[in-house]
Amino acid sequence: MEESLSRPSSKGKLPPPPTAPMIDPRITGALTRKKKQDQRKKEAEEGGLNIGDPAYWEVRYKTEIEDRLGSYDLFDWYCSFPDLFPMIKPYFEASMHQKVLIVGVGRSNAVEHLYRLGYRDITVIDISQSIITEMQRRFETYTGVEFFVMDVKQLHKFADETFTIVIDKACIDSLFCGTDYLETAGQAFREIHRVLRPEGVFLMVTHAPPIARVPYLRLITWALEMYKIPSTIGENLGLYIATKTDNPMLLAKKVAGGESAIRKKTTRIVAGEADAKAQKASTSKSGHNTGMITVSASIDLLAEMVAESAEVDS
């Protein structure tokens, strides 16, 4: 006769029931955060918010900070700042006394990297009160670093010709995601130009091709250059360098593929006409703790991309 599985053992005790498999708490935590991210996306869509709205970023960062419960990692849009720095290093090498402005800092590690290199005159702004409060807390021991809740379109706190270098990585792109990008991008470029010192430089990292940025930059009198960023650093990225100068030779330089008339205002959420291949690539993450904002996709794709990038925290 076959023995029953429930038959008492030789010691008169039933064998223990099968043990349920243990679930890694990191997995359950990641699933919970993903649900919250999806809920935020739904609420933002229902509330009419998009990446081009200042309110979007406050909602996003405030919720992310609450979700992380103090364990808040640095995160870079598009590419890692340390990986990018060798390309912009020549603009810093002229002096260790550079006066730097970082616009739309978000959770970037640019502050930490520049500080470790010895720079001690760094001003940081973002439209989100929550992220500025968090970054202030994180870098409270850093001397010579100031944080402000401020709109890149309204740099009124800063006097004319204050900074030698202004850095943007994705902030301007977010403005181009709004329906009023002609006004907002123009305001931002004028303010950045105003606060730059003579021969100062504006360093802008973007997914936009020259045709989608150069005409708007040309509304301001500055010399322009554009370099492709290696794919090992970030996918489909360009580095635009705008120098505040009155040198006629520099001002006369042209950017290949970018000298064209400005497009008329549109009711579309986004601006730019990158081809489908570039559009698809721009939605993929390009490295650890990095994310992307595309300037050529639909609003649904943009929202999906932002939710995707948040998963690096999982």
C-alpha atoms as a PDB file:
ATOM      1  CA  MET A   1       0.000   0.000   0.000  1.00  0.00           C
ATOM      2  CA  GLU A   2       1.227   3.499  -0.855  1.00  0.00           C
ATOM      3  CA  GLU A   3       1.968   5.687   2.092  1.00  0.00           C
ATOM      4  CA  SER A   4      -0.162   8.780   2.509  1.00  0.00           C
ATOM      5  CA  LEU A   5       1.632  12.136   2.399  1.00  0.00           C
ATOM      6  CA  SER A   6      -0.171  13.040   5.596  1.00  0.00           C
ATOM      7  CA  ARG A   7       0.895   9.938   7.424  1.00  0.00           C
ATOM      8  CA  PRO A   8       2.640  10.737  10.713  1.00  0.00           C
ATOM      9  CA  SER A   9       6.402  10.455  10.690  1.00  0.00           C
ATOM     10  CA  SER A  10       8.242   7.948  12.791  1.00  0.00           C
ATOM     11  CA  LYS A  11       8.288  10.496  15.578  1.00  0.00           C
ATOM     12  CA  GLY A  12       4.543  10.969  15.466  1.00  0.00           C
ATOM     13  CA  LYS A  13       4.632  14.412  13.800  1.00  0.00           C
ATOM     14  CA  LEU A  14       3.214  15.511  10.479  1.00  0.00           C
ATOM     15  CA  PRO A  15       5.781  16.786   7.980  1.00  0.00           C
ATOM     16  CA  PRO A  16       5.830  20.588   7.658  1.00  0.00           C
ATOM     17  CA  PRO A  17       3.724  22.077   4.814  1.00  0.00           C
ATOM     18  CA  PRO A  18       5.549  23.233   1.704  1.00  0.00           C
ATOM     19  CA  THR A  19       7.195  26.625   2.166  1.00  0.00           C
ATOM     20  CA  ALA A  20       5.966  29.400  -0.112  1.00  0.00           C
ATOM     21  CA  PRO A  21       8.748  30.900  -2.243  1.00  0.00           C
ATOM     22  CA  MET A  22      10.223  34.080  -0.822  1.00  0.00           C
ATOM     23  CA  ILE A  23       9.640  37.230  -2.883  1.00  0.00           C
ATOM     24  CA  ASP A  24      12.457  39.744  -2.975  1.00  0.00           C
ATOM     25  CA  PRO A  25      11.120  42.928  -1.280  1.00  0.00           C
ATOM     26  CA  ARG A  26      12.921  44.971  -3.928  1.00  0.00           C
ATOM     27  CA  ILE A  27      10.631  43.426  -6.540  1.00  0.00           C
ATOM     28  CA  THR A  28       7.462  44.235  -4.629  1.00  0.00           C
ATOM     29  CA  GLY A  29       8.788  47.737  -3.982  1.00  0.00           C
ATOM     30  CA  ALA A  30       9.512  48.240  -7.668  1.00  0.00           C
ATOM     31  CA  LEU A  31       6.021  47.043  -8.599  1.00  0.00           C
ATOM     32  CA  THR A  32       4.462  49.437  -6.112  1.00  0.00           C
ATOM     33  CA  ARG A  33       6.478  52.368  -7.464  1.00  0.00           C
ATOM     34  CA  LYS A  34       5.538  51.419 -11.022  1.00  0.00           C
ATOM     35  CA  LYS A  35       1.851  51.501 -10.090  1.00  0.00           C
ATOM     36  CA  LYS A  36       2.316  54.942  -8.565  1.00  0.00           C
ATOM     37  CA  GLN A  37       4.164  56.143 -11.657  1.00  0.00           C
ATOM     38  CA  ASP A  38       1.324  54.913 -13.860  1.00  0.00           C
ATOM     39  CA  GLN A  39      -1.173  56.667 -11.598  1.00  0.00           C
ATOM     40  CA  ARG A  40       0.816  59.934 -11.797  1.00  0.00           C
ATOM     41  CA  LYS A  41       0.856  59.651 -15.569  1.00  0.00           C
ATOM     42  CA  LYS A  42      -2.920  59.176 -15.641  1.00  0.00           C
ATOM     43  CA  GLU A  43      -3.513  62.101 -13.269  1.00  0.00           C
ATOM     44  CA  ALA A  44      -1.216  64.351 -15.278  1.00  0.00           C
ATOM     45  CA  GLU A  45      -2.996  63.457 -18.518  1.00  0.00           C
ATOM     46  CA  GLU A  46      -6.423  63.982 -16.990  1.00  0.00           C
ATOM     47  CA  GLY A  47      -5.286  67.303 -15.566  1.00  0.00           C
ATOM     48  CA  GLY A  48      -4.027  68.446 -18.952  1.00  0.00           C
ATOM     49  CA  LEU A  49      -0.369  68.583 -17.864  1.00  0.00           C
ATOM     50  CA  ASN A  50       2.485  67.820 -20.217  1.00  0.00           C
ATOM     51  CA  ILE A  51       6.249  68.040 -20.080  1.00  0.00           C
ATOM     52  CA  GLY A  52       6.121  71.629 -21.293  1.00  0.00           C
ATOM     53  CA  ASP A  53       4.091  72.728 -18.260  1.00  0.00           C
ATOM     54  CA  PRO A  54       6.050  73.985 -15.224  1.00  0.00           C
ATOM     55  CA  ALA A  55       3.445  72.392 -12.935  1.00  0.00           C
ATOM     56  CA  TYR A  56       4.220  68.982 -14.392  1.00  0.00           C
ATOM     57  CA  TRP A  57       7.729  68.970 -12.939  1.00  0.00           C
ATOM     58  CA  GLU A  58       6.637  69.979  -9.457  1.00  0.00           C
ATOM     59  CA  VAL A  59       4.038  67.188  -9.399  1.00  0.00           C
ATOM     60  CA  ARG A  60       6.579  64.709 -10.717  1.00  0.00           C
ATOM     61  CA  TYR A  61       9.436  65.544  -8.359  1.00  0.00           C
ATOM     62  CA  LYS A  62       7.264  65.981  -5.276  1.00  0.00           C
ATOM     63  CA  THR A  63       5.713  62.557  -5.768  1.00  0.00           C
ATOM     64  CA  GLU A  64       9.046  60.903  -6.556  1.00  0.00           C
ATOM     65  CA  ILE A  65      10.617  62.313  -3.393  1.00  0.00           C
ATOM     66  CA  GLU A  66       7.704  61.042  -1.311  1.00  0.00           C
ATOM     67  CA  ASP A  67       7.960  57.629  -2.962  1.00  0.00           C
ATOM     68  CA  ARG A  68      11.684  57.291  -2.289  1.00  0.00           C
ATOM     69  CA  LEU A  69      11.376  58.044   1.453  1.00  0.00           C
ATOM     70  CA  GLY A  70      14.776  59.703   1.704  1.00  0.00           C
ATOM     71  CA  SER A  71      16.630  57.295  -0.598  1.00  0.00           C
ATOM     72  CA  TYR A  72      16.751  59.694  -3.513  1.00  0.00           C
ATOM     73  CA  ASP A  73      19.321  58.931  -6.198  1.00  0.00           C
ATOM     74  CA  LEU A  74      20.840  61.408  -8.613  1.00  0.00           C
ATOM     75  CA  PHE A  75      19.557  61.046 -12.147  1.00  0.00           C
ATOM     76  CA  ASP A  76      20.617  62.635 -15.435  1.00  0.00           C
ATOM     77  CA  TRP A  77      18.478  63.202 -18.487  1.00  0.00           C
ATOM     78  CA  TYR A  78      20.017  62.110 -21.780  1.00  0.00           C
ATOM     79  CA  CYS A  79      23.491  61.193 -20.566  1.00  0.00           C
ATOM     80  CA  SER A  80      25.716  61.125 -17.518  1.00  0.00           C
ATOM     81  CA  PHE A  81      27.267  64.521 -16.795  1.00  0.00           C
ATOM     82  CA  PRO A  82      30.694  63.007 -15.974  1.00  0.00           C
ATOM     83  CA  ASP A  83      30.611  61.233 -19.342  1.00  0.00           C
ATOM     84  CA  LEU A  84      29.687  64.470 -21.091  1.00  0.00           C
ATOM     85  CA  PHE A  85      32.207  66.661 -19.295  1.00  0.00           C
ATOM     86  CA  PRO A  86      35.274  65.867 -21.464  1.00  0.00           C
ATOM     87  CA  MET A  87      33.434  67.483 -24.390  1.00  0.00           C
ATOM     88  CA  ILE A  88      32.826  70.736 -22.515  1.00  0.00           C
ATOM     89  CA  LYS A  89      35.995  70.680 -20.433  1.00  0.00           C
ATOM     90  CA  PRO A  90      37.846  73.174 -22.704  1.00  0.00           C
ATOM     91  CA  TYR A  91      35.336  75.858 -21.745  1.00  0.00           C
ATOM     92  CA  PHE A  92      36.136  75.340 -18.070  1.00  0.00           C
ATOM     93  CA  GLU A  93      39.911  75.106 -18.338  1.00  0.00           C
ATOM     94  CA  ALA A  94      40.502  78.803 -18.954  1.00  0.00           C
ATOM     95  CA  SER A  95      39.994  79.477 -15.250  1.00  0.00           C
ATOM     96  CA  MET A  96      39.033  77.751 -12.007  1.00  0.00           C
ATOM     97  CA  HIS A  97      37.014  80.869 -11.238  1.00  0.00           C
ATOM     98  CA  GLN A  98      34.235  80.158 -13.703  1.00  0.00           C
ATOM     99  CA  LYS A  99      30.843  81.416 -12.592  1.00  0.00           C
ATOM    100  CA  VAL A 100      28.471  78.631 -13.601  1.00  0.00           C
ATOM    101  CA  LEU A 101      24.688  78.581 -13.945  1.00  0.00           C
ATOM    102  CA  ILE A 102      22.886  75.235 -14.320  1.00  0.00           C
ATOM    103  CA  VAL A 103      19.299  75.628 -15.552  1.00  0.00           C
ATOM    104  CA  GLY A 104      16.627  73.006 -14.936  1.00  0.00           C
ATOM    105  CA  VAL A 105      18.963  70.944 -12.772  1.00  0.00           C
ATOM    106  CA  GLY A 106      16.428  68.296 -11.761  1.00  0.00           C
ATOM    107  CA  ARG A 107      18.353  65.495 -10.035  1.00  0.00           C
ATOM    108  CA  SER A 108      21.508  65.868 -12.120  1.00  0.00           C
ATOM    109  CA  ASN A 109      24.921  64.993 -10.702  1.00  0.00           C
ATOM    110  CA  ALA A 110      26.428  68.015 -12.477  1.00  0.00           C
ATOM    111  CA  VAL A 111      26.765  69.871  -9.170  1.00  0.00           C
ATOM    112  CA  GLU A 112      28.606  67.019  -7.495  1.00  0.00           C
ATOM    113  CA  HIS A 113      30.930  66.491 -10.456  1.00  0.00           C
ATOM    114  CA  LEU A 114      31.878  70.154 -10.888  1.00  0.00           C
ATOM    115  CA  TYR A 115      32.411  70.544  -7.157  1.00  0.00           C
ATOM    116  CA  ARG A 116      34.763  67.558  -7.048  1.00  0.00           C
ATOM    117  CA  LEU A 117      36.736  69.156  -9.872  1.00  0.00           C
ATOM    118  CA  GLY A 118      37.252  72.232  -7.696  1.00  0.00           C
ATOM    119  CA  TYR A 119      34.666  74.710  -8.965  1.00  0.00           C
ATOM    120  CA  ARG A 120      33.203  76.771  -6.142  1.00  0.00           C
ATOM    121  CA  ASP A 121      30.942  79.315  -7.825  1.00  0.00           C
ATOM    122  CA  ILE A 122      27.931  77.335  -8.996  1.00  0.00           C
ATOM    123  CA  THR A 123      24.341  78.576  -9.176  1.00  0.00           C
ATOM    124  CA  VAL A 124      21.558  76.063  -9.683  1.00  0.00           C
ATOM    125  CA  ILE A 125      17.942  76.681 -10.639  1.00  0.00           C
ATOM    126  CA  ASP A 126      14.828  74.607 -11.270  1.00  0.00           C
ATOM    127  CA  ILE A 127      11.135  75.407 -11.579  1.00  0.00           C
ATOM    128  CA  SER A 128      10.298  72.780  -8.945  1.00  0.00           C
ATOM    129  CA  GLN A 129      10.345  73.809  -5.284  1.00  0.00           C
ATOM    130  CA  SER A 130      10.449  70.156  -4.216  1.00  0.00           C
ATOM    131  CA  ILE A 131      13.564  69.259  -6.183  1.00  0.00           C
ATOM    132  CA  ILE A 132      15.433  72.413  -5.153  1.00  0.00           C
ATOM    133  CA  THR A 133      14.660  71.695  -1.492  1.00  0.00           C
ATOM    134  CA  GLU A 134      15.928  68.130  -1.916  1.00  0.00           C
ATOM    135  CA  MET A 135      19.087  69.190  -3.746  1.00  0.00           C
ATOM    136  CA  GLN A 136      19.807  71.840  -1.108  1.00  0.00           C
ATOM    137  CA  ARG A 137      19.547  69.165   1.555  1.00  0.00           C
ATOM    138  CA  ARG A 138      21.823  66.807  -0.339  1.00  0.00           C
ATOM    139  CA  PHE A 139      24.506  69.416  -0.975  1.00  0.00           C
ATOM    140  CA  GLU A 140      24.147  71.511   2.175  1.00  0.00           C
ATOM    141  CA  THR A 141      27.853  71.137   3.000  1.00  0.00           C
ATOM    142  CA  TYR A 142      28.977  72.426  -0.403  1.00  0.00           C
ATOM    143  CA  THR A 143      30.362  75.957  -0.076  1.00  0.00           C
ATOM    144  CA  GLY A 144      29.967  78.273  -3.033  1.00  0.00           C
ATOM    145  CA  VAL A 145      26.883  76.488  -4.377  1.00  0.00           C
ATOM    146  CA  GLU A 146      23.516  78.270  -4.405  1.00  0.00           C
ATOM    147  CA  PHE A 147      20.070  76.867  -5.229  1.00  0.00           C
ATOM    148  CA  PHE A 148      17.050  78.847  -6.377  1.00  0.00           C
ATOM    149  CA  VAL A 149      13.499  78.024  -7.381  1.00  0.00           C
ATOM    150  CA  MET A 150      13.418  79.901 -10.665  1.00  0.00           C
ATOM    151  CA  ASP A 151      12.020  79.834 -14.173  1.00  0.00           C
ATOM    152  CA  VAL A 152      14.652  79.846 -16.930  1.00  0.00           C
ATOM    153  CA  LYS A 153      12.422  82.339 -18.759  1.00  0.00           C
ATOM    154  CA  GLN A 154      12.637  84.806 -15.876  1.00  0.00           C
ATOM    155  CA  LEU A 155      16.150  85.096 -14.457  1.00  0.00           C
ATOM    156  CA  HIS A 156      15.322  88.434 -12.842  1.00  0.00           C
ATOM    157  CA  LYS A 157      17.308  87.727  -9.705  1.00  0.00           C
ATOM    158  CA  PHE A 158      20.533  87.796 -11.717  1.00  0.00           C
ATOM    159  CA  ALA A 159      22.100  90.964 -13.030  1.00  0.00           C
ATOM    160  CA  ASP A 160      23.244  91.378 -16.612  1.00  0.00           C
ATOM    161  CA  GLU A 161      26.549  89.677 -17.441  1.00  0.00           C
ATOM    162  CA  THR A 162      26.713  87.569 -14.277  1.00  0.00           C
ATOM    163  CA  PHE A 163      27.846  84.145 -15.519  1.00  0.00           C
ATOM    164  CA  THR A 164      30.696  82.831 -17.652  1.00  0.00           C
ATOM    165  CA  ILE A 165      29.031  79.469 -18.398  1.00  0.00           C
ATOM    166  CA  VAL A 166      25.373  78.415 -18.569  1.00  0.00           C
ATOM    167  CA  ILE A 167      24.594  74.684 -18.829  1.00  0.00           C
ATOM    168  CA  ASP A 168      21.361  73.132 -20.057  1.00  0.00           C
ATOM    169  CA  LYS A 169      20.614  69.460 -20.503  1.00  0.00           C
ATOM    170  CA  ALA A 170      16.930  68.874 -21.430  1.00  0.00           C
ATOM    171  CA  CYS A 171      15.474  72.020 -19.828  1.00  0.00           C
ATOM    172  CA  ILE A 172      15.115  73.878 -23.129  1.00  0.00           C
ATOM    173  CA  ASP A 173      13.832  70.710 -24.786  1.00  0.00           C
ATOM    174  CA  SER A 174      11.009  70.583 -22.262  1.00  0.00           C
ATOM    175  CA  LEU A 175       9.980  74.113 -23.296  1.00  0.00           C
ATOM    176  CA  PHE A 176       9.787  72.968 -26.895  1.00  0.00           C
ATOM    177  CA  CYS A 177       7.272  70.348 -25.779  1.00  0.00           C
ATOM    178  CA  GLY A 178       4.701  73.056 -25.092  1.00  0.00           C
ATOM    179  CA  THR A 179       2.253  74.608 -27.552  1.00  0.00           C
ATOM    180  CA  ASP A 180       3.695  78.072 -26.850  1.00  0.00           C
ATOM    181  CA  TYR A 181       7.310  77.085 -27.506  1.00  0.00           C
ATOM    182  CA  LEU A 182       7.934  80.071 -29.789  1.00  0.00           C
ATOM    183  CA  GLU A 183       7.399  82.454 -26.880  1.00  0.00           C
ATOM    184  CA  THR A 184       8.860  80.347 -24.075  1.00  0.00           C
ATOM    185  CA  ALA A 185      12.023  79.250 -25.873  1.00  0.00           C
ATOM    186  CA  GLY A 186      12.635  82.794 -27.079  1.00  0.00           C
ATOM    187  CA  GLN A 187      12.242  84.161 -23.561  1.00  0.00           C
ATOM    188  CA  ALA A 188      14.668  81.573 -22.200  1.00  0.00           C
ATOM    189  CA  PHE A 189      17.310  82.262 -24.846  1.00  0.00           C
ATOM    190  CA  ARG A 190      17.064  86.027 -24.287  1.00  0.00           C
ATOM    191  CA  GLU A 191      17.437  85.650 -20.525  1.00  0.00           C
ATOM    192  CA  ILE A 192      20.395  83.277 -20.834  1.00  0.00           C
ATOM    193  CA  HIS A 193      22.084  85.671 -23.261  1.00  0.00           C
ATOM    194  CA  ARG A 194      21.445  88.602 -20.908  1.00  0.00           C
ATOM    195  CA  VAL A 195      23.057  86.969 -17.867  1.00  0.00           C
ATOM    196  CA  LEU A 196      26.122  85.757 -19.797  1.00  0.00           C
ATOM    197  CA  ARG A 197      29.287  87.806 -19.621  1.00  0.00           C
ATOM    198  CA  PRO A 198      30.985  88.854 -22.877  1.00  0.00           C
ATOM    199  CA  GLU A 199      32.660  85.766 -24.377  1.00  0.00           C
ATOM    200  CA  GLY A 200      30.627  83.591 -22.023  1.00  0.00           C
ATOM    201  CA  VAL A 201      29.165  80.360 -23.366  1.00  0.00           C
ATOM    202  CA  PHE A 202      25.789  78.644 -23.280  1.00  0.00           C
ATOM    203  CA  LEU A 203      26.196  74.851 -23.480  1.00  0.00           C
ATOM    204  CA  MET A 204      22.996  73.087 -24.521  1.00  0.00           C
ATOM    205  CA  VAL A 205      22.527  69.328 -24.859  1.00  0.00           C
ATOM    206  CA  THR A 206      19.499  68.268 -26.896  1.00  0.00           C
ATOM    207  CA  HIS A 207      18.014  65.574 -29.094  1.00  0.00           C
ATOM    208  CA  ALA A 208      16.851  68.202 -31.573  1.00  0.00           C
ATOM    209  CA  PRO A 209      18.546  68.346 -34.972  1.00  0.00           C
ATOM    210  CA  PRO A 210      20.048  71.700 -36.045  1.00  0.00           C
ATOM    211  CA  ILE A 211      16.971  72.641 -38.098  1.00  0.00           C
ATOM    212  CA  ALA A 212      14.856  72.474 -34.921  1.00  0.00           C
ATOM    213  CA  ARG A 213      17.134  74.629 -32.749  1.00  0.00           C
ATOM    214  CA  VAL A 214      19.452  76.878 -34.756  1.00  0.00           C
ATOM    215  CA  PRO A 215      16.719  79.115 -36.246  1.00  0.00           C
ATOM    216  CA  TYR A 216      15.474  79.916 -32.747  1.00  0.00           C
ATOM    217  CA  LEU A 217      18.965  80.478 -31.383  1.00  0.00           C
ATOM    218  CA  ARG A 218      19.547  82.854 -34.310  1.00  0.00           C
ATOM    219  CA  LEU A 219      17.015  85.248 -32.812  1.00  0.00           C
ATOM    220  CA  ILE A 220      19.839  86.199 -30.439  1.00  0.00           C
ATOM    221  CA  THR A 221      23.173  87.673 -31.482  1.00  0.00           C
ATOM    222  CA  TRP A 222      25.681  85.027 -30.530  1.00  0.00           C
ATOM    223  CA  ALA A 223      28.110  82.726 -32.319  1.00  0.00           C
ATOM    224  CA  LEU A 224      26.889  79.164 -32.787  1.00  0.00           C
ATOM    225  CA  GLU A 225      28.567  75.789 -33.087  1.00  0.00           C
ATOM    226  CA  MET A 226      27.123  72.290 -32.961  1.00  0.00           C
ATOM    227  CA  TYR A 227      28.836  68.954 -32.333  1.00  0.00           C
ATOM    228  CA  LYS A 228      27.411  65.454 -32.348  1.00  0.00           C
ATOM    229  CA  ILE A 229      27.815  63.668 -29.045  1.00  0.00           C
ATOM    230  CA  PRO A 230      29.276  60.148 -29.415  1.00  0.00           C
ATOM    231  CA  SER A 231      26.713  57.373 -29.102  1.00  0.00           C
ATOM    232  CA  THR A 232      28.842  55.869 -26.330  1.00  0.00           C
ATOM    233  CA  ILE A 233      27.798  58.880 -24.221  1.00  0.00           C
ATOM    234  CA  GLY A 234      24.191  59.270 -25.349  1.00  0.00           C
ATOM    235  CA  GLU A 235      22.032  58.329 -28.309  1.00  0.00           C
ATOM    236  CA  ASN A 236      21.159  60.922 -30.963  1.00  0.00           C
ATOM    237  CA  LEU A 237      22.435  63.875 -28.951  1.00  0.00           C
ATOM    238  CA  GLY A 238      23.925  67.165 -30.016  1.00  0.00           C
ATOM    239  CA  LEU A 239      25.969  69.747 -28.119  1.00  0.00           C
ATOM    240  CA  TYR A 240      25.145  73.317 -29.111  1.00  0.00           C
ATOM    241  CA  ILE A 241      27.580  76.029 -28.068  1.00  0.00           C
ATOM    242  CA  ALA A 242      26.400  79.641 -28.145  1.00  0.00           C
ATOM    243  CA  THR A 243      29.071  82.240 -27.408  1.00  0.00           C
ATOM    244  CA  LYS A 244      28.162  85.806 -26.451  1.00  0.00           C
ATOM    245  CA  THR A 245      30.545  87.757 -28.643  1.00  0.00           C
ATOM    246  CA  ASP A 246      30.743  90.665 -31.082  1.00  0.00           C
ATOM    247  CA  ASN A 247      33.485  89.019 -33.151  1.00  0.00           C
ATOM    248  CA  PRO A 248      32.154  89.237 -36.741  1.00  0.00           C
ATOM    249  CA  MET A 249      34.071  86.174 -37.923  1.00  0.00           C
ATOM    250  CA  LEU A 250      32.592  84.007 -35.180  1.00  0.00           C
ATOM    251  CA  LEU A 251      29.118  85.437 -35.688  1.00  0.00           C
ATOM    252  CA  ALA A 252      29.279  84.627 -39.396  1.00  0.00           C
ATOM    253  CA  LYS A 253      29.914  80.911 -38.865  1.00  0.00           C
ATOM    254  CA  LYS A 254      27.061  78.692 -40.031  1.00  0.00           C
ATOM    255  CA  VAL A 255      25.741  75.452 -38.570  1.00  0.00           C
ATOM    256  CA  ALA A 256      25.279  72.795 -41.229  1.00  0.00           C
ATOM    257  CA  GLY A 257      21.664  71.791 -41.646  1.00  0.00           C
ATOM    258  CA  GLY A 258      20.406  74.460 -39.288  1.00  0.00           C
ATOM    259  CA  GLU A 259      20.193  77.747 -41.157  1.00  0.00           C
ATOM    260  CA  SER A 260      16.517  78.016 -42.056  1.00  0.00           C
ATOM    261  CA  ALA A 261      13.425  80.094 -41.429  1.00  0.00           C
ATOM    262  CA  ILE A 262      11.633  79.658 -38.120  1.00  0.00           C
ATOM    263  CA  ARG A 263       8.599  77.396 -38.284  1.00  0.00           C
ATOM    264  CA  LYS A 264       5.220  78.895 -37.597  1.00  0.00           C
ATOM    265  CA  LYS A 265       3.553  78.299 -34.276  1.00  0.00           C
ATOM    266  CA  THR A 266       1.615  75.040 -34.123  1.00  0.00           C
ATOM    267  CA  THR A 267      -1.048  73.547 -31.890  1.00  0.00           C
ATOM    268  CA  ARG A 268       0.978  70.346 -31.650  1.00  0.00           C
ATOM    269  CA  ILE A 269       2.422  69.568 -28.267  1.00  0.00           C
ATOM    270  CA  VAL A 270       5.919  69.132 -29.595  1.00  0.00           C
ATOM    271  CA  ALA A 271       8.251  70.834 -32.047  1.00  0.00           C
ATOM    272  CA  GLY A 272      10.805  69.440 -34.432  1.00  0.00           C
ATOM    273  CA  GLU A 273      10.741  66.929 -37.252  1.00  0.00           C
ATOM    274  CA  ALA A 274      13.366  64.289 -36.584  1.00  0.00           C
ATOM    275  CA  ASP A 275      12.840  61.195 -38.671  1.00  0.00           C
ATOM    276  CA  ALA A 276      11.092  58.109 -37.317  1.00  0.00           C
ATOM    277  CA  LYS A 277      14.348  56.305 -36.640  1.00  0.00           C
ATOM    278  CA  ALA A 278      15.715  59.117 -34.489  1.00  0.00           C
ATOM    279  CA  GLN A 279      12.345  59.450 -32.796  1.00  0.00           C
ATOM    280  CA  LYS A 280      12.310  55.778 -31.836  1.00  0.00           C
ATOM    281  CA  ALA A 281      15.884  55.890 -30.591  1.00  0.00           C
ATOM    282  CA  SER A 282      15.265  59.001 -28.542  1.00  0.00           C
ATOM    283  CA  THR A 283      12.789  57.164 -26.330  1.00  0.00           C
ATOM    284  CA  SER A 284      15.328  54.598 -25.144  1.00  0.00           C
ATOM    285  CA  LYS A 285      17.543  55.038 -22.114  1.00  0.00           C
ATOM    286  CA  SER A 286      21.186  55.607 -22.924  1.00  0.00           C
ATOM    287  CA  GLY A 287      22.922  54.618 -19.739  1.00  0.00           C
ATOM    288  CA  HIS A 288      22.705  54.048 -16.008  1.00  0.00           C
ATOM    289  CA  ASN A 289      20.574  56.643 -14.237  1.00  0.00           C
ATOM    290  CA  THR A 290      19.894  58.572 -17.424  1.00  0.00           C
ATOM    291  CA  GLY A 291      16.683  59.386 -19.259  1.00  0.00           C
ATOM    292  CA  MET A 292      15.570  61.210 -22.360  1.00  0.00           C
ATOM    293  CA  ILE A 293      13.083  63.820 -23.492  1.00  0.00           C
ATOM    294  CA  THR A 294      12.218  63.577 -27.152  1.00  0.00           C
ATOM    295  CA  VAL A 295      11.255  66.669 -29.112  1.00  0.00           C
ATOM    296  CA  SER A 296       9.679  64.871 -32.019  1.00  0.00           C
ATOM    297  CA  ALA A 297       7.220  62.348 -30.590  1.00  0.00           C
ATOM    298  CA  SER A 298       3.536  62.547 -29.767  1.00  0.00           C
ATOM    299  CA  ILE A 299       2.433  63.588 -26.295  1.00  0.00           C
ATOM    300  CA  ASP A 300       1.487  59.975 -25.514  1.00  0.00           C
ATOM    301  CA  LEU A 301       4.994  58.834 -26.392  1.00  0.00           C
ATOM    302  CA  LEU A 302       6.496  61.646 -24.323  1.00  0.00           C
ATOM    303  CA  ALA A 303       4.491  60.668 -21.260  1.00  0.00           C
ATOM    304  CA  GLU A 304       5.407  57.032 -21.782  1.00  0.00           C
ATOM    305  CA  MET A 305       9.095  57.953 -22.032  1.00  0.00           C
ATOM    306  CA  VAL A 306       9.048  59.925 -18.784  1.00  0.00           C
ATOM    307  CA  ALA A 307       7.376  57.069 -16.932  1.00  0.00           C
ATOM    308  CA  GLU A 308       9.948  54.705 -18.400  1.00  0.00           C
ATOM    309  CA  SER A 309      12.875  56.811 -17.250  1.00  0.00           C
ATOM    310  CA  ALA A 310      11.581  56.846 -13.706  1.00  0.00           C
ATOM    311  CA  GLU A 311      11.981  53.058 -13.543  1.00  0.00           C
ATOM    312  CA  VAL A 312      15.739  53.427 -13.008  1.00  0.00           C
ATOM    313  CA  ASP A 313      14.856  54.181  -9.398  1.00  0.00           C
ATOM    314  CA  SER A 314      13.188  50.789  -9.047  1.00  0.00           C
END
